[in-house]
Amino acid sequence: MAREAKKVVVIGSGPGGAGVAALLQARGYRVTLLERNDFYGGKCWSFTKDGSVVDSGVHMFSMGASGQHGDLNRLVGGDLEWFTANPSEHLLLGGKYRVNLYQSLTDPRGGISNMRTNMRMAADRISSLAGGGMGKELEREVYRASRRNTPLETLRAVAKIARLNPSYFAELDEITLQEFMHRITDDWLPLQGIAALSMLLTVVPYSEVSAGEFLWCFANAFRKHTLGVPRGGSREIPGAFLRAFARDGGELRLGCEVARIAVREGKVRGVETAEGEEIAADLVVSNAGIKRTLEMAGEEHFPAEYASYVNGLKYSCAFITTKYGLDRRVVDLPAPSFFNIPAVDPDHMFDYIGDGGVPEDPFLFTPFPSEWDTYAAPPGKQLIICGVPGPIEVSGENVAQCERILDRAEERLLEIFPQIAPHIEWKMRTHIAHTASITGKPTGECIGLSQCVGQTGAHKPDPWTPVQDLWLVGADAGARGVGTEQASGSAIYVANLLA
């Protein structure tokens, strides 16, 4: 006689929740997926505005079809499609140098397209040295690494990173990216680039982010050569997983918020919704984040040491945005994404976030979705999303700071691209209050847990919890990667553990 399939409740339909639900349903579980919002995808969501498909946040996906999203899509037989571009990014460095970034660091087109910029940078450096500029630079505050690498040590480190040596990444998880980079150089220009790239990939300042985590993400992005965006907006990532989930008989319930995870005698028993409905389950997999999961299950059901550990975990920073719908295509760049990298002290580039201030020259992460996907905006029109890092705690003070940061970000964007202003049909802002309204949390962090030292690699929270049959999935548990790619990696890991 066949054994009855286990009942699973998955909480939250972000890429981690949608992905693990699809995998478990395909493997014979009876899965019910509960989503508090009336739309799926969590923070990885898109909506329609005047004919444009607009991401709720600001997204690119570092490995596209070749990363965890693509792996999961293939495992569930999904229909996810991707766009890539070469060059993929156009950078403005310090307000004066323009650089095209290709998918491969060894792509000869990068050297050719950037030749004039490289010559200008070299001339400026020679002029600085001749005028005593280097001496003045060394008088500024410079972070002092605990030790300095020899050229040979640096070459060996690069080789280990390129080979994705797991033991070396484990070593690098114990130091910050700032420490690692200052072992190699105190030259502001490369440090500015890395500081900005750290915020882009992990949404954590490079003075805090794990060197191992960042370099794993960086190496994989350039090794895969498939950085891109999904056809139809970011919502298509969870959407593809959920279509496979429905095809295989899974049940998705939108507008169904979980108020409590039921635990008795150290074992999960199911969930209770905000409307008071009790849903029994053999397993509960939470994509609500580790802290929210602890709260829903009740701290009293966990060892005190575990509860203290969870409560002490740090979140990433936020990315706050202004979205622009233009009445025509007015910005024509070699790449579909633009970055403004400011000429400021790299060790203090993002101090303004914690200080309650506004950056004079903000780091801007500005994808042009309609340049990636021509159907992201109506024919002949252009869609722009301008993102800038910000604080996460939702308070009146922080919301006001977000508005001031976005004011300055818009000023800077229009300084760089003055042709945008006359053609704005509509614009809208999304910041920490909007993110918190999606997640139901008092914070508006971009990713989830910070990928800082002490929270990555071997220190990353495990998907299993001390409560029997209560599991975690998503960016908070069990995988490396950039943003939502962690979530899809976590879904594969958890499904394999449960299979």
Protein backbone atom coordinates (compact mmCIF):
# COMPACT_ATOMS: atom_id res chain seq x y z
CA MET A 1 0.00 0.00 0.00
CA ALA A 2 1.41 3.40 -1.01
CA ARG A 3 2.37 5.71 1.82
CA GLU A 4 0.42 8.97 2.01
CA ALA A 5 2.42 11.98 0.83
CA LYS A 6 3.66 14.32 3.53
CA LYS A 7 1.86 17.66 3.83
CA VAL A 8 4.10 20.71 3.57
CA VAL A 9 3.23 24.34 4.19
CA VAL A 10 5.62 26.87 2.65
CA ILE A 11 5.40 30.43 4.00
CA GLY A 12 6.22 33.14 1.46
CA SER A 13 6.44 33.10 -2.34
CA GLY A 14 9.76 34.81 -2.98
CA PRO A 15 12.22 32.85 -5.16
CA GLY A 16 13.21 30.65 -2.19
CA GLY A 17 9.65 29.79 -1.18
CA ALA A 18 8.35 29.44 -4.74
CA GLY A 19 11.37 27.36 -5.70
CA VAL A 20 11.29 24.92 -2.79
CA ALA A 21 7.50 24.55 -3.17
CA ALA A 22 7.90 23.61 -6.84
CA LEU A 23 10.74 21.18 -6.12
CA LEU A 24 8.95 19.42 -3.25
CA GLN A 25 5.65 19.21 -5.14
CA ALA A 26 7.46 17.64 -8.09
CA ARG A 27 9.04 15.11 -5.74
CA GLY A 28 5.77 13.82 -4.33
CA TYR A 29 4.97 16.08 -1.38
CA ARG A 30 1.56 17.75 -1.00
CA VAL A 31 2.51 21.40 -0.81
CA THR A 32 0.46 24.45 0.11
CA LEU A 33 2.18 27.78 -0.45
CA LEU A 34 0.86 30.74 1.57
CA GLU A 35 1.60 34.33 0.56
CA ARG A 36 0.53 37.32 2.71
CA ASN A 37 0.24 39.70 -0.28
CA ASP A 38 -2.24 39.55 -3.12
CA PHE A 39 0.70 39.12 -5.49
CA TYR A 40 3.51 36.55 -5.49
CA GLY A 41 7.27 37.06 -5.40
CA GLY A 42 7.85 39.14 -2.26
CA LYS A 43 10.60 41.66 -2.92
CA CYS A 44 11.32 39.97 -6.27
CA TRP A 45 8.18 41.37 -7.86
CA SER A 46 7.20 43.57 -10.80
CA PHE A 47 4.07 45.56 -11.55
CA THR A 48 2.61 47.35 -14.56
CA LYS A 49 2.64 51.15 -14.72
CA ASP A 50 1.32 52.96 -17.81
CA GLY A 51 2.30 50.07 -20.04
CA SER A 52 5.76 49.50 -18.49
CA VAL A 53 6.79 46.44 -16.50
CA VAL A 54 8.46 47.93 -13.42
CA ASP A 55 10.47 45.99 -10.83
CA SER A 56 9.44 46.72 -7.25
CA GLY A 57 13.08 47.22 -6.30
CA VAL A 58 16.20 47.54 -8.46
CA HIS A 59 17.51 44.29 -9.87
CA MET A 60 20.07 42.57 -12.04
CA PHE A 61 21.02 38.95 -11.69
CA SER A 62 24.73 38.22 -11.69
CA MET A 63 24.68 34.74 -13.23
CA GLY A 64 21.35 34.70 -15.07
CA ALA A 65 20.55 31.36 -16.68
CA SER A 66 23.90 29.91 -15.58
CA GLY A 67 23.34 30.55 -11.86
CA GLN A 68 21.03 29.24 -9.17
CA HIS A 69 17.90 30.69 -10.78
CA GLY A 70 18.66 28.88 -14.01
CA ASP A 71 19.53 25.65 -12.18
CA LEU A 72 16.24 25.68 -10.29
CA ASN A 73 14.25 26.53 -13.41
CA ARG A 74 15.72 23.50 -15.19
CA LEU A 75 15.05 21.22 -12.22
CA VAL A 76 11.33 22.09 -12.16
CA GLY A 77 10.94 22.28 -15.95
CA GLY A 78 10.18 25.99 -15.83
CA ASP A 79 9.81 28.48 -18.69
CA LEU A 80 12.16 31.23 -17.47
CA GLU A 81 13.96 33.14 -20.25
CA TRP A 82 16.86 35.58 -19.95
CA PHE A 83 18.36 38.60 -21.65
CA THR A 84 22.11 39.26 -21.53
CA ALA A 85 24.18 42.11 -22.95
CA ASN A 86 27.80 42.91 -23.81
CA PRO A 87 28.94 45.30 -22.50
CA SER A 88 26.61 44.86 -19.57
CA GLU A 89 27.50 47.99 -17.59
CA HIS A 90 28.62 51.53 -18.30
CA LEU A 91 30.53 53.19 -15.43
CA LEU A 92 31.24 56.83 -14.65
CA LEU A 93 34.24 56.91 -12.31
CA GLY A 94 34.76 60.01 -10.21
CA GLY A 95 32.73 62.14 -12.60
CA LYS A 96 35.41 61.99 -15.32
CA TYR A 97 36.24 58.47 -16.55
CA ARG A 98 33.74 56.42 -18.57
CA VAL A 99 34.30 52.66 -18.69
CA ASN A 100 32.40 49.84 -20.40
CA LEU A 101 32.34 46.61 -18.41
CA TYR A 102 32.06 43.36 -20.35
CA GLN A 103 30.81 39.99 -19.13
CA SER A 104 34.36 38.60 -19.19
CA LEU A 105 37.28 40.49 -17.67
CA THR A 106 39.47 39.09 -20.48
CA ASP A 107 37.13 40.16 -23.31
CA PRO A 108 39.39 42.03 -25.79
CA ARG A 109 36.52 44.39 -26.62
CA GLY A 110 36.87 45.83 -23.13
CA GLY A 111 40.44 46.89 -23.80
CA ILE A 112 39.53 48.40 -27.14
CA SER A 113 36.42 50.31 -26.02
CA ASN A 114 38.15 51.60 -22.88
CA MET A 115 41.49 52.43 -24.52
CA ARG A 116 40.98 56.20 -24.54
CA THR A 117 39.81 56.19 -20.92
CA ASN A 118 42.77 54.05 -19.83
CA MET A 119 45.19 56.43 -21.53
CA ARG A 120 43.55 59.42 -19.84
CA MET A 121 43.69 57.72 -16.44
CA ALA A 122 47.38 56.90 -16.93
CA ALA A 123 48.15 60.49 -17.97
CA ASP A 124 46.30 61.85 -14.94
CA ARG A 125 48.24 59.51 -12.68
CA ILE A 126 51.59 60.61 -14.13
CA SER A 127 50.56 64.25 -13.75
CA SER A 128 49.55 63.62 -10.14
CA LEU A 129 52.90 62.02 -9.35
CA ALA A 130 54.83 64.80 -11.06
CA GLY A 131 52.91 67.45 -9.12
CA GLY A 132 53.32 65.77 -5.77
CA GLY A 133 49.71 64.62 -5.74
CA MET A 134 50.61 61.15 -4.51
CA GLY A 135 52.27 62.60 -1.45
CA LYS A 136 49.13 64.55 -0.63
CA GLU A 137 47.00 61.45 -1.09
CA LEU A 138 49.10 59.49 1.39
CA GLU A 139 48.53 62.21 3.97
CA ARG A 140 44.83 61.41 3.97
CA GLU A 141 43.30 58.84 6.25
CA VAL A 142 44.19 55.39 4.88
CA TYR A 143 42.97 52.12 6.32
CA ARG A 144 45.94 50.06 7.52
CA ALA A 145 45.72 46.36 6.75
CA SER A 146 47.00 43.91 9.34
CA ARG A 147 49.62 42.86 6.81
CA ARG A 148 50.54 43.53 3.18
CA ASN A 149 50.69 40.99 0.38
CA THR A 150 53.78 40.59 -1.74
CA PRO A 151 53.14 40.60 -5.51
CA LEU A 152 53.54 36.80 -5.52
CA GLU A 153 51.00 36.39 -2.71
CA THR A 154 48.55 38.53 -4.63
CA LEU A 155 48.98 36.43 -7.78
CA ARG A 156 48.43 33.25 -5.78
CA ALA A 157 45.30 34.74 -4.23
CA VAL A 158 43.92 35.67 -7.65
CA ALA A 159 44.59 32.14 -8.92
CA LYS A 160 42.76 30.58 -5.95
CA ILE A 161 39.81 32.91 -6.44
CA ALA A 162 39.65 32.17 -10.18
CA ARG A 163 39.62 28.42 -9.41
CA LEU A 164 36.88 28.95 -6.79
CA ASN A 165 39.04 27.22 -4.19
CA PRO A 166 36.56 26.45 -1.36
CA SER A 167 39.14 26.30 1.43
CA TYR A 168 40.51 29.69 0.43
CA PHE A 169 37.04 31.23 0.41
CA ALA A 170 36.52 29.78 3.89
CA GLU A 171 39.68 31.61 5.02
CA LEU A 172 38.50 34.84 3.40
CA ASP A 173 35.14 34.60 5.15
CA GLU A 174 36.98 35.54 8.34
CA ILE A 175 38.17 38.96 7.09
CA THR A 176 36.42 41.93 5.53
CA LEU A 177 36.79 42.86 1.88
CA GLN A 178 38.32 46.14 3.05
CA GLU A 179 41.07 44.24 4.86
CA PHE A 180 41.69 41.99 1.84
CA MET A 181 41.89 44.89 -0.62
CA HIS A 182 44.18 47.00 1.55
CA ARG A 183 46.57 44.07 1.73
CA ILE A 184 46.99 44.62 -2.01
CA THR A 185 46.74 48.38 -2.54
CA ASP A 186 45.94 51.75 -0.98
CA ASP A 187 45.25 53.29 -4.40
CA TRP A 188 41.89 55.03 -4.13
CA LEU A 189 40.70 54.37 -7.71
CA PRO A 190 40.52 50.55 -7.55
CA LEU A 191 39.30 50.74 -3.96
CA GLN A 192 36.48 53.07 -5.00
CA GLY A 193 35.44 50.57 -7.67
CA ILE A 194 35.49 47.63 -5.25
CA ALA A 195 33.67 49.58 -2.53
CA ALA A 196 30.89 50.41 -5.00
CA LEU A 197 30.81 46.87 -6.40
CA SER A 198 30.52 45.46 -2.88
CA MET A 199 27.41 47.55 -2.30
CA LEU A 200 26.04 46.48 -5.67
CA LEU A 201 26.54 42.73 -5.18
CA THR A 202 25.86 42.36 -1.46
CA VAL A 203 24.29 45.67 -0.33
CA VAL A 204 26.85 45.74 2.48
CA PRO A 205 29.73 48.26 2.85
CA TYR A 206 33.09 46.73 2.03
CA SER A 207 34.27 47.53 5.55
CA GLU A 208 31.80 44.87 6.78
CA VAL A 209 31.22 42.38 3.98
CA SER A 210 32.98 39.02 4.09
CA ALA A 211 35.86 38.96 1.59
CA GLY A 212 35.06 35.32 0.86
CA GLU A 213 31.42 36.00 0.09
CA PHE A 214 32.09 38.99 -2.15
CA LEU A 215 34.92 37.34 -4.07
CA TRP A 216 32.86 34.16 -4.57
CA CYS A 217 30.06 36.29 -6.07
CA PHE A 218 32.48 38.37 -8.13
CA ALA A 219 34.37 35.37 -9.51
CA ASN A 220 31.22 33.49 -10.43
CA ALA A 221 29.64 36.47 -12.18
CA PHE A 222 32.62 36.90 -14.49
CA ARG A 223 33.15 33.17 -14.88
CA LYS A 224 29.57 32.50 -16.03
CA HIS A 225 29.40 35.46 -18.46
CA THR A 226 25.58 35.55 -18.22
CA LEU A 227 24.70 38.54 -16.05
CA GLY A 228 21.26 39.63 -17.14
CA VAL A 229 17.57 40.07 -16.48
CA PRO A 230 14.57 37.76 -17.01
CA ARG A 231 12.14 38.36 -19.83
CA GLY A 232 9.06 40.04 -18.34
CA GLY A 233 10.67 41.54 -15.23
CA SER A 234 11.95 40.13 -11.95
CA ARG A 235 8.52 38.67 -11.12
CA GLU A 236 9.16 36.04 -13.79
CA ILE A 237 11.70 34.27 -11.58
CA PRO A 238 9.22 33.21 -8.88
CA GLY A 239 6.54 33.21 -11.58
CA ALA A 240 8.30 30.48 -13.58
CA PHE A 241 8.70 28.35 -10.44
CA LEU A 242 5.05 28.85 -9.49
CA ARG A 243 3.76 27.91 -12.93
CA ALA A 244 5.68 24.64 -12.60
CA PHE A 245 4.28 24.27 -9.06
CA ALA A 246 0.69 24.69 -10.30
CA ARG A 247 1.29 22.33 -13.22
CA ASP A 248 2.32 19.61 -10.76
CA GLY A 249 -0.74 20.12 -8.55
CA GLY A 250 0.54 22.50 -5.87
CA GLU A 251 -1.80 24.93 -4.10
CA LEU A 252 -0.94 28.64 -3.99
CA ARG A 253 -3.00 30.88 -1.71
CA LEU A 254 -2.48 34.61 -2.13
CA GLY A 255 -3.64 37.10 0.50
CA CYS A 256 -3.18 34.47 3.20
CA GLU A 257 -0.92 35.73 5.99
CA VAL A 258 0.54 33.34 8.55
CA ALA A 259 0.13 34.72 12.05
CA ARG A 260 1.61 31.79 13.95
CA ILE A 261 3.60 28.62 13.35
CA ALA A 262 2.09 25.95 15.56
CA VAL A 263 4.63 24.06 17.69
CA ARG A 264 3.86 21.41 20.30
CA GLU A 265 6.29 19.18 22.18
CA GLY A 266 9.22 20.47 20.17
CA LYS A 267 7.67 19.60 16.79
CA VAL A 268 5.96 21.74 14.18
CA ARG A 269 2.28 20.94 13.69
CA GLY A 270 1.23 23.45 11.04
CA VAL A 271 0.31 27.12 10.87
CA GLU A 272 -2.47 29.47 11.88
CA THR A 273 -3.47 32.23 9.49
CA ALA A 274 -4.33 35.82 10.38
CA GLU A 275 -8.00 34.88 9.87
CA GLY A 276 -7.70 32.13 12.48
CA GLU A 277 -7.65 29.17 10.09
CA GLU A 278 -5.49 26.26 11.25
CA ILE A 279 -3.62 24.39 8.52
CA ALA A 280 -2.03 21.13 9.64
CA ALA A 281 1.32 20.10 8.16
CA ASP A 282 4.03 17.50 8.61
CA LEU A 283 6.66 20.06 7.58
CA VAL A 284 6.74 23.85 7.55
CA VAL A 285 9.29 25.65 5.38
CA SER A 286 9.53 29.37 6.05
CA ASN A 287 10.65 31.91 3.46
CA ALA A 288 9.73 34.74 5.86
CA GLY A 289 13.29 35.29 7.10
CA ILE A 290 14.95 33.73 10.12
CA LYS A 291 14.00 36.49 12.58
CA ARG A 292 10.35 36.62 11.52
CA THR A 293 10.20 32.81 11.63
CA LEU A 294 11.47 32.79 15.20
CA GLU A 295 8.80 35.35 16.10
CA MET A 296 5.98 33.40 14.43
CA ALA A 297 6.97 30.11 16.07
CA GLY A 298 7.58 31.72 19.48
CA GLU A 299 10.99 32.12 21.09
CA GLU A 300 9.90 29.88 23.96
CA HIS A 301 10.07 26.87 21.62
CA PHE A 302 13.76 27.39 20.87
CA PRO A 303 16.86 27.02 23.03
CA ALA A 304 17.77 30.37 24.57
CA GLU A 305 21.17 30.27 22.90
CA TYR A 306 19.59 29.87 19.44
CA ALA A 307 17.09 32.68 20.03
CA SER A 308 19.90 34.98 21.19
CA TYR A 309 21.96 34.07 18.11
CA VAL A 310 19.08 34.82 15.73
CA ASN A 311 18.23 38.12 17.40
CA GLY A 312 21.86 39.19 17.08
CA LEU A 313 22.07 38.66 13.32
CA LYS A 314 22.53 41.78 11.16
CA TYR A 315 20.59 42.82 8.06
CA SER A 316 21.90 44.19 4.79
CA CYS A 317 21.43 47.83 3.83
CA ALA A 318 18.54 48.96 1.65
CA PHE A 319 18.41 50.06 -1.98
CA ILE A 320 15.85 52.83 -2.41
CA THR A 321 14.69 53.85 -5.86
CA THR A 322 13.11 56.33 -8.18
CA LYS A 323 11.52 54.92 -11.32
CA TYR A 324 11.09 57.05 -14.44
CA GLY A 325 8.83 56.53 -17.43
CA LEU A 326 10.05 58.63 -20.37
CA ASP A 327 7.93 59.61 -23.38
CA ARG A 328 10.77 58.65 -25.71
CA ARG A 329 14.15 56.94 -25.69
CA VAL A 330 16.60 59.70 -24.77
CA VAL A 331 19.55 57.94 -23.10
CA ASP A 332 21.70 55.94 -25.49
CA LEU A 333 24.59 54.18 -23.75
CA PRO A 334 26.77 51.27 -24.90
CA ALA A 335 25.32 49.13 -22.06
CA PRO A 336 21.82 48.75 -20.56
CA SER A 337 22.94 49.60 -17.02
CA PHE A 338 24.72 52.67 -15.67
CA PHE A 339 26.73 53.17 -12.48
CA ASN A 340 27.92 56.42 -10.98
CA ILE A 341 30.97 55.64 -8.80
CA PRO A 342 31.85 58.72 -6.72
CA ALA A 343 35.35 60.09 -6.18
CA VAL A 344 35.23 59.85 -2.39
CA ASP A 345 37.24 58.04 0.26
CA PRO A 346 36.33 54.38 -0.42
CA ASP A 347 36.57 53.52 3.28
CA HIS A 348 33.82 56.04 4.03
CA MET A 349 31.73 55.95 0.85
CA PHE A 350 28.60 54.81 2.66
CA ASP A 351 29.06 56.34 6.12
CA TYR A 352 26.13 58.64 5.40
CA ILE A 353 23.71 55.72 5.80
CA GLY A 354 24.37 55.33 9.51
CA ASP A 355 25.06 59.02 10.09
CA GLY A 356 21.61 60.12 8.93
CA GLY A 357 23.12 62.17 6.14
CA VAL A 358 22.99 62.53 2.36
CA PRO A 359 25.91 61.78 0.03
CA GLU A 360 27.22 64.72 -1.96
CA ASP A 361 27.95 62.41 -4.91
CA PRO A 362 25.88 59.23 -4.47
CA PHE A 363 26.67 55.80 -5.83
CA LEU A 364 23.92 55.18 -8.39
CA PHE A 365 22.85 51.76 -9.65
CA THR A 366 20.74 52.61 -12.69
CA PRO A 367 19.49 49.86 -14.99
CA PHE A 368 17.48 50.75 -18.07
CA PRO A 369 15.02 47.82 -18.19
CA SER A 370 13.72 48.80 -21.63
CA GLU A 371 17.28 48.53 -22.97
CA TRP A 372 17.52 44.96 -21.68
CA ASP A 373 13.99 43.98 -22.72
CA THR A 374 12.36 46.11 -25.43
CA TYR A 375 8.92 45.02 -24.19
CA ALA A 376 9.53 46.43 -20.69
CA ALA A 377 8.19 49.80 -21.90
CA PRO A 378 5.71 50.82 -24.61
CA PRO A 379 7.19 51.16 -28.13
CA GLY A 380 9.48 54.15 -28.45
CA LYS A 381 9.49 54.88 -24.72
CA GLN A 382 12.18 54.32 -22.08
CA LEU A 383 12.09 52.99 -18.54
CA ILE A 384 14.79 53.90 -16.00
CA ILE A 385 15.22 52.70 -12.42
CA CYS A 386 17.70 54.65 -10.31
CA GLY A 387 18.75 52.95 -7.07
CA VAL A 388 20.87 54.32 -4.22
CA PRO A 389 21.82 52.71 -0.87
CA GLY A 390 19.94 53.75 2.24
CA PRO A 391 19.10 52.84 5.86
CA ILE A 392 16.76 49.99 6.80
CA GLU A 393 14.87 50.66 10.05
CA VAL A 394 11.44 52.06 9.23
CA SER A 395 11.07 55.20 11.32
CA GLY A 396 9.94 58.73 10.58
CA GLU A 397 13.53 59.92 10.74
CA ASN A 398 14.83 57.24 8.37
CA VAL A 399 11.99 57.66 5.89
CA ALA A 400 12.75 61.38 5.79
CA GLN A 401 16.44 60.56 5.23
CA CYS A 402 15.47 58.25 2.36
CA GLU A 403 13.53 61.08 0.73
CA ARG A 404 16.53 63.41 1.04
CA ILE A 405 18.85 60.76 -0.40
CA LEU A 406 16.50 60.23 -3.34
CA ASP A 407 16.32 63.99 -3.88
CA ARG A 408 20.10 64.14 -4.22
CA ALA A 409 20.22 60.96 -6.32
CA GLU A 410 17.76 62.51 -8.78
CA GLU A 411 19.76 65.74 -8.91
CA ARG A 412 22.92 63.76 -9.70
CA LEU A 413 21.21 61.60 -12.31
CA LEU A 414 19.89 64.68 -14.09
CA GLU A 415 23.30 66.36 -13.87
CA ILE A 416 24.76 63.38 -15.73
CA PHE A 417 21.82 62.96 -18.13
CA PRO A 418 20.11 66.39 -18.43
CA GLN A 419 18.16 65.14 -21.47
CA ILE A 420 15.99 63.00 -19.15
CA ALA A 421 14.14 65.84 -17.39
CA PRO A 422 12.04 67.21 -20.30
CA HIS A 423 10.79 63.73 -21.20
CA ILE A 424 9.58 62.41 -17.84
CA GLU A 425 5.97 61.22 -18.21
CA TRP A 426 5.79 59.77 -14.72
CA LYS A 427 8.03 58.96 -11.81
CA MET A 428 7.57 57.17 -8.52
CA ARG A 429 9.68 56.36 -5.49
CA THR A 430 9.97 53.15 -3.52
CA HIS A 431 11.95 52.96 -0.30
CA ILE A 432 12.09 51.20 3.05
CA ALA A 433 8.45 51.79 3.98
CA HIS A 434 7.32 50.15 0.74
CA THR A 435 9.64 47.17 1.26
CA ALA A 436 8.39 46.74 4.83
CA SER A 437 4.79 46.75 3.59
CA ILE A 438 5.64 43.79 1.33
CA THR A 439 7.42 41.73 3.99
CA GLY A 440 5.39 42.72 7.05
CA LYS A 441 8.63 43.47 8.92
CA PRO A 442 9.70 46.72 10.61
CA THR A 443 12.73 46.93 8.33
CA GLY A 444 13.25 47.59 4.63
CA GLU A 445 16.54 45.82 3.96
CA CYS A 446 17.26 44.88 0.36
CA ILE A 447 18.31 41.25 0.66
CA GLY A 448 17.84 39.88 4.16
CA LEU A 449 20.72 38.98 6.43
CA SER A 450 23.94 40.88 5.87
CA GLN A 451 26.67 38.93 4.09
CA CYS A 452 29.15 40.25 6.62
CA VAL A 453 31.97 38.55 8.48
CA GLY A 454 30.48 36.01 10.87
CA GLN A 455 27.34 35.42 8.77
CA THR A 456 28.66 33.78 5.58
CA GLY A 457 30.11 30.42 4.57
CA ALA A 458 30.29 28.11 7.55
CA HIS A 459 28.70 30.86 9.67
CA LYS A 460 25.57 31.14 7.48
CA PRO A 461 22.42 30.07 9.35
CA ASP A 462 21.46 26.46 8.68
CA PRO A 463 18.14 25.71 6.94
CA TRP A 464 17.08 23.37 9.77
CA THR A 465 15.99 24.81 13.10
CA PRO A 466 15.93 23.32 16.63
CA VAL A 467 12.17 22.82 16.21
CA GLN A 468 11.62 19.46 14.56
CA ASP A 469 10.37 19.71 10.95
CA LEU A 470 10.57 23.52 10.87
CA TRP A 471 12.89 24.62 8.07
CA LEU A 472 14.17 27.89 6.67
CA VAL A 473 14.59 28.74 3.00
CA GLY A 474 15.68 31.88 1.18
CA ALA A 475 18.55 34.35 1.25
CA ASP A 476 18.88 33.92 5.04
CA ALA A 477 19.79 30.24 4.97
CA GLY A 478 22.21 27.84 3.41
CA ALA A 479 23.64 29.32 0.19
CA ARG A 480 26.08 31.84 -1.24
CA GLY A 481 25.27 34.29 -3.99
CA VAL A 482 24.04 37.70 -5.05
CA GLY A 483 20.67 38.69 -3.59
CA THR A 484 17.88 36.42 -4.75
CA GLU A 485 20.38 33.94 -6.18
CA GLN A 486 21.03 32.89 -2.59
CA ALA A 487 17.31 32.15 -2.26
CA SER A 488 17.17 29.84 -5.27
CA GLY A 489 20.37 28.11 -4.12
CA SER A 490 18.80 27.65 -0.70
CA ALA A 491 15.64 26.15 -2.27
CA ILE A 492 17.70 23.52 -4.09
CA TYR A 493 19.67 22.74 -0.92
CA VAL A 494 16.59 22.40 1.28
CA ALA A 495 14.70 20.27 -1.25
CA ASN A 496 17.68 17.93 -1.52
CA LEU A 497 17.90 17.62 2.26
CA LEU A 498 14.20 16.76 2.48
CA ALA A 499 14.03 14.47 -0.58
